[in-house]
Amino acid sequence: MADNFTKEAFTLLGVGVAVVALRTYARITSVGIRNFMLDDYLMLLAVSQVVYGLETGAAYSVGARYHGLANNSMTDEQRRTLSSSSPEYGLRVGGSKLQLIGWSLYTLLLWLLKLCINIFYTRLTIGLHHMRIRTRLGFFLIGITYVTTITAILAGCGAPFSKNWQIFPNPGNHCQPAISKMDLFFTVVLNVLTDAYLLSIPLPLFWQARIDPKRKAWLLIMFGGGVFVMMAGILRCALILTAGVNGAQQAGSWAVRETFVAVVIGNLPMIHPLFASTITNIRSSFSASRASRPSDGSRSISLKALSRKPRTANPLSVSSSAEQIIEARFKNQKAAASRQDRDGNVRGIQVVSQTIVDSGERERVDGHDMAGSSQCVISA
């Protein structure tokens, strides 16, 4: 059982780090390292290289070093008769301390991911003044819920702090980190609350956008992945409460699984344009190679001419080049939108599609060379 979890935990860690690496590569190819934003650095350094690795290591040590033991699932008689010099006593004390560390790392990782997502949403909704308040409120909500959750984990047991690993007398459920109902309640409720709020930022925009239904469905699924993170958090809570003597091991195991889902979902919108452009280029090359073959009574079509054929990329592209183009041209869009509002022709959300010829040419925006791309701009 422990060997199976070890393989699973480090496999998930490897895949998660690979996902972050793909995200980083996508950002480098679109904007370059010099134009990285705060969420790029947080995701690259704090999430993938530090917090995520430490959290996985803590979950592994719960079973590998402390055999899944902590100061829970003991009768009063077992607590009274357990000698403080026995190996089991040391394992239970050490396991309880590790549970506190694991809970703290788990919470920090999830809330860092939320912070990265909200920073990304501030760029996605640039130019939408009514959304600026929503994203700012998101920062406040993330900050206050993190402080509340970590306070419940570290200070919920009360003084002295050593009660978190006390064996005898029974310190009570709230001082048993592996299965503390108070820790579970605060973490699950505030985790789901913040995820639900973050989902409420992009989904209404995509739902009301006038775009192809298939593309709209894909965008809703991609940006609505937070639902799976919420489900994983609730499932983790239920399994810990029903695990009994295996509560400590289940806490570590499901923390790794939930954070893996969160890492993948949190990076998917940034990785998607990379795969979409790659697939488009492959299809274009394949079509061009077939079309360039001369047939009887027909002329050969040059690859250069095909490469200049306008294409339409995935709407609402989340690449950084699109973000900068949106920012550079917002003033003109704002003036046009104001005139339309005065005429009573535009209400709500308007999606403006723009196709830029992908022929290797580059466009200058605010003094920066930008690769030609296609995007769909949301304007109020």
Protein backbone atom coordinates (compact mmCIF):
# COMPACT_ATOMS: atom_id res chain seq x y z
CA MET A 1 0.00 0.00 0.00
CA ALA A 2 2.77 2.43 0.98
CA ASP A 3 4.80 1.48 -2.10
CA ASN A 4 1.79 2.12 -4.34
CA PHE A 5 1.23 5.55 -2.82
CA THR A 6 4.93 6.38 -3.13
CA LYS A 7 4.80 5.67 -6.86
CA GLU A 8 1.57 7.60 -7.22
CA ALA A 9 2.73 10.63 -5.22
CA PHE A 10 6.00 11.15 -7.06
CA THR A 11 4.42 10.38 -10.43
CA LEU A 12 1.83 13.09 -9.80
CA LEU A 13 4.61 15.43 -8.67
CA GLY A 14 6.55 14.77 -11.87
CA VAL A 15 3.52 15.34 -14.07
CA GLY A 16 2.62 18.50 -12.14
CA VAL A 17 6.11 19.94 -12.53
CA ALA A 18 6.00 19.07 -16.25
CA VAL A 19 2.71 20.96 -16.58
CA VAL A 20 4.26 24.03 -14.96
CA ALA A 21 7.27 23.67 -17.28
CA LEU A 22 4.93 23.63 -20.29
CA ARG A 23 3.18 26.73 -19.01
CA THR A 24 6.54 28.46 -18.59
CA TYR A 25 7.61 27.49 -22.11
CA ALA A 26 4.32 28.78 -23.50
CA ARG A 27 4.86 32.12 -21.77
CA ILE A 28 8.47 32.37 -22.95
CA THR A 29 7.46 31.77 -26.56
CA SER A 30 4.62 34.30 -26.37
CA VAL A 31 6.06 37.20 -24.33
CA GLY A 32 9.64 36.32 -23.37
CA ILE A 33 11.15 36.04 -19.90
CA ARG A 34 11.55 39.81 -19.56
CA ASN A 35 7.78 40.24 -19.75
CA PHE A 36 6.93 37.62 -17.14
CA MET A 37 4.25 38.64 -14.65
CA LEU A 38 4.00 37.90 -10.94
CA ASP A 39 1.92 34.75 -11.45
CA ASP A 40 4.58 33.32 -13.79
CA TYR A 41 7.26 33.63 -11.11
CA LEU A 42 4.96 32.34 -8.37
CA MET A 43 3.99 29.32 -10.41
CA LEU A 44 7.53 28.55 -11.51
CA LEU A 45 9.42 29.06 -8.26
CA ALA A 46 7.05 28.84 -5.30
CA VAL A 47 4.53 26.31 -6.56
CA SER A 48 6.39 23.80 -8.70
CA GLN A 49 9.86 23.89 -7.18
CA VAL A 50 9.32 24.57 -3.49
CA VAL A 51 5.85 24.24 -1.96
CA TYR A 52 4.59 21.43 -4.20
CA GLY A 53 7.71 19.33 -3.68
CA LEU A 54 7.72 19.85 0.10
CA GLU A 55 4.03 18.98 0.35
CA THR A 56 4.56 15.73 -1.56
CA GLY A 57 7.58 14.92 0.59
CA ALA A 58 5.57 15.48 3.77
CA ALA A 59 2.75 13.24 2.53
CA TYR A 60 5.27 10.53 1.65
CA SER A 61 6.93 10.73 5.08
CA VAL A 62 3.60 10.28 6.87
CA GLY A 63 3.56 6.64 5.75
CA ALA A 64 7.21 5.90 5.01
CA ARG A 65 8.70 7.26 8.23
CA TYR A 66 5.86 7.46 10.74
CA HIS A 67 3.78 4.51 9.44
CA GLY A 68 0.61 6.62 9.32
CA LEU A 69 0.60 7.14 13.10
CA ALA A 70 -0.39 10.33 14.93
CA ASN A 71 -2.10 11.24 18.21
CA ASN A 72 -5.53 10.12 16.97
CA SER A 73 -7.47 6.81 16.99
CA MET A 74 -6.42 5.77 20.50
CA THR A 75 -8.51 4.75 23.50
CA ASP A 76 -7.98 6.44 26.85
CA GLU A 77 -6.44 3.21 28.14
CA GLN A 78 -3.97 3.05 25.25
CA ARG A 79 -2.98 6.65 25.87
CA ARG A 80 -2.45 6.08 29.57
CA THR A 81 -0.36 2.94 29.18
CA LEU A 82 1.78 4.11 26.25
CA SER A 83 5.26 4.83 27.56
CA SER A 84 6.90 8.05 26.48
CA SER A 85 10.09 6.08 25.86
CA SER A 86 8.49 3.60 23.47
CA PRO A 87 9.07 3.74 19.70
CA GLU A 88 5.32 4.06 19.07
CA TYR A 89 5.16 7.17 21.25
CA GLY A 90 7.90 8.82 19.21
CA LEU A 91 6.20 7.85 15.96
CA ARG A 92 2.86 9.29 17.07
CA VAL A 93 4.39 12.56 18.28
CA GLY A 94 6.47 12.94 15.12
CA GLY A 95 3.54 12.00 12.91
CA SER A 96 1.34 14.64 14.55
CA LYS A 97 3.97 17.31 14.01
CA LEU A 98 4.30 16.29 10.38
CA GLN A 99 0.53 16.53 9.98
CA LEU A 100 0.69 20.18 11.03
CA ILE A 101 3.44 20.80 8.48
CA GLY A 102 1.51 18.95 5.80
CA TRP A 103 -1.70 20.88 6.43
CA SER A 104 0.21 24.17 6.32
CA LEU A 105 1.94 23.31 3.02
CA TYR A 106 -1.31 22.01 1.52
CA THR A 107 -3.11 25.25 2.38
CA LEU A 108 -0.25 27.44 1.17
CA LEU A 109 -0.07 25.62 -2.17
CA LEU A 110 -3.80 25.84 -2.86
CA TRP A 111 -4.01 29.52 -1.99
CA LEU A 112 -0.90 30.34 -4.06
CA LEU A 113 -2.62 28.70 -7.02
CA LYS A 114 -5.73 30.80 -6.38
CA LEU A 115 -3.55 33.91 -6.30
CA CYS A 116 -1.93 33.01 -9.63
CA ILE A 117 -5.33 32.42 -11.21
CA ASN A 118 -6.70 35.74 -10.00
CA ILE A 119 -3.63 37.60 -11.29
CA PHE A 120 -4.22 35.95 -14.66
CA TYR A 121 -7.88 37.02 -14.61
CA THR A 122 -6.80 40.66 -14.12
CA ARG A 123 -5.02 40.42 -17.48
CA LEU A 124 -7.80 38.45 -19.15
CA THR A 125 -10.39 41.09 -18.27
CA ILE A 126 -8.21 44.12 -19.00
CA GLY A 127 -10.29 47.02 -20.24
CA LEU A 128 -13.46 45.82 -18.49
CA HIS A 129 -13.78 48.37 -15.72
CA HIS A 130 -16.67 46.60 -14.01
CA MET A 131 -14.47 43.49 -13.71
CA ARG A 132 -11.63 45.38 -12.05
CA ILE A 133 -13.61 45.51 -8.81
CA ARG A 134 -14.28 41.77 -9.06
CA THR A 135 -10.61 40.86 -9.38
CA ARG A 136 -9.61 43.23 -6.58
CA LEU A 137 -12.24 41.69 -4.36
CA GLY A 138 -10.76 38.33 -5.34
CA PHE A 139 -7.37 39.36 -3.96
CA PHE A 140 -8.99 40.44 -0.71
CA LEU A 141 -10.99 37.23 -0.45
CA ILE A 142 -7.93 35.06 -1.11
CA GLY A 143 -5.91 36.93 1.52
CA ILE A 144 -8.52 36.88 4.28
CA THR A 145 -9.51 33.25 3.75
CA TYR A 146 -5.86 32.12 3.78
CA VAL A 147 -5.18 33.92 7.07
CA THR A 148 -8.34 32.44 8.56
CA THR A 149 -7.55 28.90 7.42
CA ILE A 150 -3.90 28.86 8.52
CA THR A 151 -4.90 30.40 11.87
CA ALA A 152 -7.45 27.63 12.42
CA ILE A 153 -4.83 25.00 11.61
CA LEU A 154 -2.02 26.39 13.77
CA ALA A 155 -3.92 28.11 16.59
CA GLY A 156 -7.19 26.21 16.73
CA CYS A 157 -5.90 23.84 19.38
CA GLY A 158 -5.13 26.67 21.76
CA ALA A 159 -2.23 26.93 24.17
CA PRO A 160 0.17 25.38 24.68
CA PHE A 161 1.06 24.65 21.04
CA SER A 162 2.42 21.23 22.06
CA LYS A 163 -1.15 20.00 22.60
CA ASN A 164 -1.20 19.37 18.84
CA TRP A 165 0.95 16.27 19.43
CA GLN A 166 -0.11 15.47 22.99
CA ILE A 167 -0.83 11.79 23.69
CA PHE A 168 -2.07 11.70 27.29
CA PRO A 169 -4.44 12.97 28.43
CA ASN A 170 -6.57 13.00 25.32
CA PRO A 171 -6.24 16.54 23.86
CA GLY A 172 -9.55 16.29 21.98
CA ASN A 173 -10.38 16.10 18.30
CA HIS A 174 -9.48 19.73 17.60
CA CYS A 175 -5.92 18.97 18.76
CA GLN A 176 -5.50 15.91 16.52
CA PRO A 177 -4.19 17.44 13.27
CA ALA A 178 -4.75 14.34 11.14
CA ILE A 179 -8.51 14.24 11.67
CA SER A 180 -9.38 17.61 13.22
CA LYS A 181 -12.95 18.43 12.24
CA MET A 182 -12.30 22.11 12.82
CA ASP A 183 -9.35 22.09 10.39
CA LEU A 184 -11.42 20.19 7.83
CA PHE A 185 -14.38 22.53 8.19
CA PHE A 186 -12.41 25.74 7.76
CA THR A 187 -10.30 24.38 4.92
CA VAL A 188 -13.12 22.85 2.90
CA VAL A 189 -15.62 25.67 3.32
CA LEU A 190 -13.18 28.50 2.59
CA ASN A 191 -11.50 26.54 -0.20
CA VAL A 192 -14.83 25.94 -1.96
CA LEU A 193 -15.94 29.54 -1.32
CA THR A 194 -12.87 31.08 -2.95
CA ASP A 195 -12.95 28.62 -5.87
CA ALA A 196 -16.60 29.41 -6.51
CA TYR A 197 -15.87 33.14 -6.50
CA LEU A 198 -12.95 32.75 -8.91
CA LEU A 199 -15.19 30.74 -11.24
CA SER A 200 -17.72 33.58 -11.21
CA ILE A 201 -15.22 35.95 -12.84
CA PRO A 202 -14.62 34.43 -16.32
CA LEU A 203 -17.56 32.07 -16.82
CA PRO A 204 -20.30 34.73 -17.17
CA LEU A 205 -18.17 36.52 -19.77
CA PHE A 206 -17.79 33.38 -21.86
CA TRP A 207 -21.43 32.41 -21.40
CA GLN A 208 -22.67 35.74 -22.76
CA ALA A 209 -20.03 36.02 -25.48
CA ARG A 210 -21.35 35.81 -29.04
CA ILE A 211 -18.98 33.13 -30.36
CA ASP A 212 -19.23 29.69 -31.93
CA PRO A 213 -21.10 27.33 -29.55
CA LYS A 214 -18.40 24.66 -29.73
CA ARG A 215 -15.68 27.13 -28.82
CA LYS A 216 -17.85 28.58 -26.10
CA ALA A 217 -18.37 25.10 -24.63
CA TRP A 218 -14.63 24.41 -24.66
CA LEU A 219 -13.86 27.72 -22.95
CA LEU A 220 -16.49 27.06 -20.28
CA ILE A 221 -15.02 23.61 -19.62
CA MET A 222 -11.42 24.84 -19.57
CA PHE A 223 -12.06 27.78 -17.25
CA GLY A 224 -14.64 25.86 -15.23
CA GLY A 225 -12.10 23.24 -14.15
CA GLY A 226 -12.21 24.68 -10.65
CA VAL A 227 -15.34 22.59 -10.13
CA PHE A 228 -13.17 19.47 -10.16
CA VAL A 229 -10.87 21.01 -7.53
CA MET A 230 -13.89 21.76 -5.36
CA MET A 231 -15.13 18.18 -5.75
CA ALA A 232 -11.67 16.81 -4.86
CA GLY A 233 -11.58 18.94 -1.69
CA ILE A 234 -15.00 17.76 -0.55
CA LEU A 235 -14.13 14.13 -1.31
CA ARG A 236 -10.90 14.44 0.67
CA CYS A 237 -12.81 15.76 3.67
CA ALA A 238 -15.33 12.90 3.55
CA LEU A 239 -12.66 10.22 3.24
CA ILE A 240 -10.61 11.57 6.14
CA LEU A 241 -13.65 11.63 8.42
CA THR A 242 -14.50 8.01 7.58
CA ALA A 243 -10.95 6.62 7.48
CA GLY A 244 -10.73 5.73 11.18
CA VAL A 245 -7.24 4.56 12.15
CA ASN A 246 -6.01 5.38 8.63
CA GLY A 247 -7.01 9.02 8.93
CA ALA A 248 -3.45 10.33 9.02
CA GLN A 249 -2.45 8.40 5.90
CA GLN A 250 -5.61 9.40 4.06
CA ALA A 251 -5.03 13.08 4.91
CA GLY A 252 -1.61 13.02 3.24
CA SER A 253 -2.65 10.88 0.28
CA TRP A 254 -5.67 12.93 -0.71
CA ALA A 255 -3.86 16.21 -0.16
CA VAL A 256 -1.40 15.17 -2.89
CA ARG A 257 -4.21 14.16 -5.25
CA GLU A 258 -6.20 17.34 -4.72
CA THR A 259 -3.22 19.65 -5.18
CA PHE A 260 -2.25 17.79 -8.37
CA VAL A 261 -5.70 18.45 -9.82
CA ALA A 262 -5.41 22.09 -8.77
CA VAL A 263 -1.98 22.50 -10.42
CA VAL A 264 -3.19 21.03 -13.73
CA ILE A 265 -6.46 22.99 -13.79
CA GLY A 266 -4.73 26.21 -12.77
CA ASN A 267 -2.25 25.99 -15.66
CA LEU A 268 -4.52 24.63 -18.39
CA PRO A 269 -5.69 28.03 -19.74
CA MET A 270 -2.07 29.12 -20.18
CA ILE A 271 -1.00 25.88 -21.88
CA HIS A 272 -3.97 25.60 -24.24
CA PRO A 273 -2.80 28.26 -26.75
CA LEU A 274 0.51 26.39 -27.12
CA PHE A 275 -1.20 23.15 -28.09
CA ALA A 276 -3.78 24.94 -30.22
CA SER A 277 -1.10 26.74 -32.25
CA THR A 278 0.96 23.55 -32.58
CA ILE A 279 -2.01 21.57 -33.89
CA THR A 280 -2.92 24.40 -36.26
CA ASN A 281 0.63 24.55 -37.63
CA ILE A 282 0.70 20.77 -38.14
CA ARG A 283 -2.61 20.84 -39.98
CA SER A 284 -1.50 23.80 -42.09
CA SER A 285 1.76 22.08 -43.00
CA PHE A 286 -0.04 18.86 -43.90
CA SER A 287 -2.64 20.69 -45.99
CA ALA A 288 0.05 22.77 -47.66
CA SER A 289 2.12 19.71 -48.55
CA ARG A 290 -0.89 18.04 -50.13
CA ALA A 291 -2.05 21.16 -51.95
CA SER A 292 1.45 21.82 -53.33
CA ARG A 293 1.46 18.57 -55.28
CA PRO A 294 0.66 19.41 -58.95
CA SER A 295 -2.24 17.59 -60.52
CA ASP A 296 -3.29 17.18 -64.16
CA GLY A 297 -4.60 20.44 -65.54
CA SER A 298 -3.97 22.34 -62.32
CA ARG A 299 -1.32 24.69 -61.07
CA SER A 300 0.87 24.10 -58.06
CA ILE A 301 0.02 26.26 -55.08
CA SER A 302 3.07 27.76 -53.43
CA LEU A 303 3.67 27.12 -49.74
CA LYS A 304 4.40 30.80 -49.30
CA ALA A 305 0.96 31.75 -50.53
CA LEU A 306 -0.68 29.20 -48.25
CA SER A 307 1.28 30.44 -45.28
CA ARG A 308 -0.22 33.87 -45.80
CA LYS A 309 -3.77 32.57 -45.65
CA PRO A 310 -5.59 34.26 -42.77
CA ARG A 311 -6.60 31.92 -39.99
CA THR A 312 -8.86 32.26 -37.01
CA ALA A 313 -7.39 31.18 -33.69
CA ASN A 314 -9.22 30.09 -30.62
CA PRO A 315 -11.34 33.03 -29.45
CA LEU A 316 -10.42 34.73 -26.21
CA SER A 317 -6.84 33.54 -26.61
CA VAL A 318 -5.09 33.83 -23.27
CA SER A 319 -1.61 34.26 -24.67
CA SER A 320 0.36 37.22 -23.42
CA SER A 321 0.70 38.69 -26.90
CA ALA A 322 -3.08 38.91 -27.10
CA GLU A 323 -3.18 40.51 -23.67
CA GLN A 324 -0.75 43.21 -24.75
CA ILE A 325 -2.62 43.82 -28.01
CA ILE A 326 -5.85 44.20 -26.06
CA GLU A 327 -4.19 46.71 -23.76
CA ALA A 328 -2.62 48.70 -26.60
CA ARG A 329 -5.87 49.06 -28.53
CA PHE A 330 -8.24 49.50 -25.63
CA LYS A 331 -8.47 53.27 -25.96
CA ASN A 332 -9.83 53.04 -29.52
CA GLN A 333 -12.27 50.27 -28.51
CA LYS A 334 -13.45 52.29 -25.55
CA ALA A 335 -14.22 55.32 -27.73
CA ALA A 336 -16.11 53.14 -30.22
CA ALA A 337 -18.05 51.42 -27.44
CA SER A 338 -19.02 54.78 -25.94
CA ARG A 339 -20.44 55.98 -29.26
CA GLN A 340 -22.41 52.75 -29.63
CA ASP A 341 -23.77 53.07 -26.10
CA ARG A 342 -25.02 56.57 -26.85
CA ASP A 343 -26.81 55.28 -29.91
CA GLY A 344 -28.42 52.52 -27.85
CA ASN A 345 -27.04 49.82 -30.10
CA VAL A 346 -24.83 47.96 -27.65
CA ARG A 347 -25.75 46.52 -24.28
CA GLY A 348 -23.75 44.14 -22.09
CA ILE A 349 -20.83 42.26 -23.57
CA GLN A 350 -19.54 42.58 -27.08
CA VAL A 351 -17.07 40.18 -28.60
CA VAL A 352 -14.87 41.67 -31.30
CA SER A 353 -13.07 39.09 -33.42
CA GLN A 354 -9.79 40.04 -35.01
CA THR A 355 -7.73 37.93 -37.35
CA ILE A 356 -4.06 38.73 -37.91
CA VAL A 357 -2.26 37.12 -40.82
CA ASP A 358 0.08 34.44 -39.53
CA SER A 359 2.80 34.74 -42.14
CA GLY A 360 5.84 35.17 -39.97
CA GLU A 361 5.33 38.94 -39.96
CA ARG A 362 5.50 40.77 -36.64
CA GLU A 363 3.43 43.64 -35.35
CA ARG A 364 4.61 46.52 -33.16
CA VAL A 365 2.44 47.33 -30.18
CA ASP A 366 3.51 50.13 -27.85
CA GLY A 367 7.05 49.87 -29.18
CA HIS A 368 7.30 46.06 -28.75
CA ASP A 369 7.51 43.53 -31.55
CA MET A 370 4.55 41.20 -31.23
CA ALA A 371 4.12 37.95 -33.08
CA GLY A 372 1.10 37.88 -35.35
CA SER A 373 -1.78 36.10 -33.66
CA SER A 374 -5.56 35.97 -33.51
CA GLN A 375 -7.67 36.76 -30.55
CA CYS A 376 -11.14 37.69 -29.51
CA VAL A 377 -11.38 40.86 -27.42
CA ILE A 378 -14.08 41.36 -24.82
CA SER A 379 -15.12 44.94 -24.39
CA ALA A 380 -17.74 46.55 -22.22
